[in-house]
Amino acid sequence: MKTLIVSFYKCLDESVLHSGKLQIPREFCWNSDGVVPQQCRLETMSGSWNVDVKRIGREIFLEEGWEEFVVGNSLKLGEYVTALLWTCQVLC
């Protein structure tokens, strides 16, 4: 069973489209131990992309692989990206 944990949305501006990275809320990717994963997988109807997660100072970004995700989904200025974080739970 999949359970939605948290979500966020971001309007794509010039910095998001051309910087090669997307800043994400810290609360979105921290687990209960406060650990930030090194990589995540972004999935859309068009496919899936592995994207590196990097901490820069106190901020967290999607970096390596983000540009491929933008191109692969033909994202444009002013469009919105909605991210959902799911967890899988096995019921015994």
Protein backbone atom coordinates (compact mmCIF):
# COMPACT_ATOMS: atom_id res chain seq x y z
CA MET A 1 0.00 0.00 0.00
CA LYS A 2 1.32 3.47 -0.88
CA THR A 3 0.89 6.31 1.61
CA LEU A 4 1.37 9.97 0.72
CA ILE A 5 3.78 11.60 3.18
CA VAL A 6 4.25 15.17 1.93
CA SER A 7 4.03 17.24 -1.25
CA PHE A 8 5.08 20.61 -2.65
CA TYR A 9 4.75 22.57 -5.88
CA LYS A 10 7.07 24.99 -7.61
CA CYS A 11 6.48 27.47 -10.42
CA LEU A 12 9.26 27.16 -12.97
CA ASP A 13 11.13 30.43 -13.41
CA GLU A 14 14.35 31.22 -15.29
CA SER A 15 16.57 30.16 -12.39
CA VAL A 16 14.90 26.75 -12.12
CA LEU A 17 14.99 26.08 -15.86
CA HIS A 18 18.55 27.24 -16.53
CA SER A 19 20.51 26.71 -13.31
CA GLY A 20 20.47 22.94 -13.62
CA LYS A 21 18.97 22.54 -10.15
CA LEU A 22 15.71 22.85 -8.23
CA GLN A 23 15.61 23.94 -4.60
CA ILE A 24 13.26 21.81 -2.55
CA PRO A 25 11.92 22.24 0.98
CA ARG A 26 14.05 20.49 3.60
CA GLU A 27 10.93 18.97 5.14
CA PHE A 28 10.17 17.26 1.85
CA CYS A 29 13.20 14.97 1.78
CA TRP A 30 14.23 14.52 5.39
CA ASN A 31 13.26 11.22 6.90
CA SER A 32 12.53 10.78 10.60
CA ASP A 33 16.29 10.66 11.31
CA GLY A 34 16.94 14.00 9.56
CA VAL A 35 18.94 12.26 6.82
CA VAL A 36 18.80 13.67 3.27
CA PRO A 37 18.98 10.96 0.58
CA GLN A 38 21.73 11.17 -2.05
CA GLN A 39 19.40 10.37 -4.93
CA CYS A 40 15.71 10.25 -5.76
CA ARG A 41 13.63 9.04 -8.68
CA LEU A 42 11.23 11.40 -10.42
CA GLU A 43 8.35 9.67 -12.20
CA THR A 44 5.89 11.10 -14.71
CA MET A 45 3.68 9.67 -17.43
CA SER A 46 6.68 10.24 -19.75
CA GLY A 47 9.09 8.03 -17.80
CA SER A 48 11.39 8.16 -14.79
CA TRP A 49 14.65 9.96 -14.02
CA ASN A 50 17.25 9.40 -11.30
CA VAL A 51 18.25 12.76 -9.85
CA ASP A 52 20.99 13.55 -7.33
CA VAL A 53 19.98 15.34 -4.13
CA LYS A 54 22.60 17.79 -2.79
CA ARG A 55 22.79 19.86 0.34
CA ILE A 56 24.38 23.28 -0.20
CA GLY A 57 24.63 25.04 3.13
CA ARG A 58 21.20 24.75 4.73
CA GLU A 59 19.40 24.35 1.40
CA ILE A 60 18.60 21.16 -0.52
CA PHE A 61 18.56 20.86 -4.31
CA LEU A 62 17.81 18.38 -7.06
CA GLU A 63 20.90 18.63 -9.27
CA GLU A 64 22.46 16.01 -11.56
CA GLY A 65 19.60 14.65 -13.66
CA TRP A 66 17.28 17.64 -13.14
CA GLU A 67 18.06 19.12 -16.57
CA GLU A 68 17.30 15.77 -18.23
CA PHE A 69 13.98 15.71 -16.37
CA VAL A 70 13.16 19.25 -17.61
CA VAL A 71 14.01 18.37 -21.23
CA GLY A 72 12.32 14.96 -21.07
CA ASN A 73 9.07 16.55 -19.94
CA SER A 74 9.30 19.65 -22.18
CA LEU A 75 8.92 21.91 -19.14
CA LYS A 76 8.56 25.62 -19.88
CA LEU A 77 8.70 28.94 -18.07
CA GLY A 78 5.66 29.51 -15.86
CA GLU A 79 4.61 25.87 -15.64
CA TYR A 80 4.26 24.15 -12.27
CA VAL A 81 5.94 21.01 -10.99
CA THR A 82 4.14 19.15 -8.23
CA ALA A 83 6.18 16.67 -6.22
CA LEU A 84 4.66 13.95 -4.07
CA LEU A 85 6.67 11.81 -1.66
CA TRP A 86 5.24 8.33 -1.19
CA THR A 87 6.18 5.52 1.13
CA CYS A 88 5.31 1.88 0.68
CA GLN A 89 3.97 0.04 3.66
CA VAL A 90 3.55 -3.69 3.90
CA LEU A 91 0.66 -4.84 6.00
CA CYS A 92 1.26 -8.09 7.88
